[in-house]
Amino acid sequence: MACRMVFSERFLDDASCVWSERLRLSLVGVLSNIEAFPEIGSKNLPLSIKEEFGDAVRKAAVSPFDLIYEFKEEENAVFVYALVPMRSVR
């Protein structure tokens, strides 16, 4: 069963800046995969992501961005937090 998707204001702002059709389609595809398989994202996170979003988040590549989200199994929900440029993480 697909998860409920919850989008933060920050993510919506980040996504509104995506102007490339190729990138938009890639983002939609990654979000669809996460909705169906929420644990597919990596928990191998850079320190800056952990500091900003906590240890429970996952990342999924939507080049040139990392999509930052958290799967809360008890709620069967995915909380999508941000699109972070890959070059800005440390």
Protein backbone atom coordinates (compact mmCIF):
# COMPACT_ATOMS: atom_id res chain seq x y z
CA MET A 1 0.00 0.00 0.00
CA ALA A 2 1.33 3.43 -0.91
CA CYS A 3 2.36 5.81 1.83
CA ARG A 4 0.74 9.13 2.53
CA MET A 5 3.01 11.90 1.22
CA VAL A 6 3.38 15.10 3.27
CA PHE A 7 5.28 17.99 1.68
CA SER A 8 6.89 20.77 3.71
CA GLU A 9 6.66 24.40 2.68
CA ARG A 10 10.40 24.39 2.11
CA PHE A 11 10.17 21.47 -0.30
CA LEU A 12 7.32 23.13 -2.19
CA ASP A 13 9.41 26.31 -2.47
CA ASP A 14 12.44 24.31 -3.61
CA ALA A 15 10.41 22.36 -6.17
CA SER A 16 8.81 25.51 -7.55
CA CYS A 17 12.27 26.63 -8.70
CA VAL A 18 12.75 23.53 -10.86
CA TRP A 19 12.39 24.79 -14.41
CA SER A 20 13.92 21.92 -16.37
CA GLU A 21 11.36 19.46 -17.74
CA ARG A 22 13.90 16.63 -17.46
CA LEU A 23 14.54 17.44 -13.79
CA ARG A 24 10.83 17.83 -13.06
CA LEU A 25 10.11 14.39 -14.55
CA SER A 26 13.00 12.89 -12.59
CA LEU A 27 11.65 14.42 -9.36
CA VAL A 28 8.16 13.05 -10.02
CA GLY A 29 9.66 9.60 -10.68
CA VAL A 30 11.70 9.60 -7.48
CA LEU A 31 8.70 10.76 -5.43
CA SER A 32 6.59 7.97 -6.95
CA ASN A 33 9.24 5.39 -6.07
CA ILE A 34 9.48 6.70 -2.50
CA GLU A 35 5.70 6.63 -2.16
CA ALA A 36 5.69 2.93 -3.10
CA PHE A 37 8.98 1.95 -1.42
CA PRO A 38 9.72 4.52 1.31
CA GLU A 39 12.84 2.82 2.63
CA ILE A 40 14.77 3.02 -0.66
CA GLY A 41 16.55 6.26 0.24
CA SER A 42 20.04 6.24 1.70
CA LYS A 43 20.67 6.79 5.39
CA ASN A 44 24.33 7.52 4.62
CA LEU A 45 24.04 11.25 5.24
CA PRO A 46 26.55 14.08 5.22
CA LEU A 47 27.00 15.83 8.56
CA SER A 48 25.33 19.04 7.33
CA ILE A 49 22.14 17.12 6.47
CA LYS A 50 22.09 15.38 9.86
CA GLU A 51 22.61 18.70 11.63
CA GLU A 52 19.77 20.40 9.76
CA PHE A 53 17.20 17.59 9.52
CA GLY A 54 18.19 14.99 12.14
CA ASP A 55 19.36 11.38 12.01
CA ALA A 56 16.05 9.83 10.94
CA VAL A 57 15.97 11.32 7.45
CA ARG A 58 16.92 9.65 4.20
CA LYS A 59 18.17 11.08 0.93
CA ALA A 60 17.40 10.20 -2.66
CA ALA A 61 19.32 11.56 -5.62
CA VAL A 62 17.51 13.82 -8.05
CA SER A 63 20.65 15.11 -9.70
CA PRO A 64 21.87 17.80 -9.07
CA PHE A 65 19.86 17.67 -5.81
CA ASP A 66 19.37 15.37 -2.87
CA LEU A 67 15.74 14.93 -1.90
CA ILE A 68 15.55 14.86 1.90
CA TYR A 69 12.68 12.96 3.47
CA GLU A 70 11.67 10.91 6.50
CA PHE A 71 9.59 7.74 6.55
CA LYS A 72 7.45 7.32 9.64
CA GLU A 73 6.35 3.71 9.52
CA GLU A 74 3.89 3.99 12.41
CA GLU A 75 2.01 6.67 10.45
CA ASN A 76 2.58 5.05 7.05
CA ALA A 77 3.69 8.49 5.92
CA VAL A 78 6.61 10.07 4.13
CA PHE A 79 7.51 13.63 5.11
CA VAL A 80 9.37 15.37 2.29
CA TYR A 81 11.53 18.18 3.68
CA ALA A 82 13.76 19.68 1.00
CA LEU A 83 15.69 19.56 -2.24
CA VAL A 84 19.29 20.29 -1.30
CA PRO A 85 21.93 21.01 -3.96
CA MET A 86 24.46 18.15 -3.83
CA ARG A 87 27.37 20.59 -4.02
CA SER A 88 26.28 22.45 -0.88
CA VAL A 89 26.46 19.47 1.52
CA ARG A 90 29.49 18.78 3.65
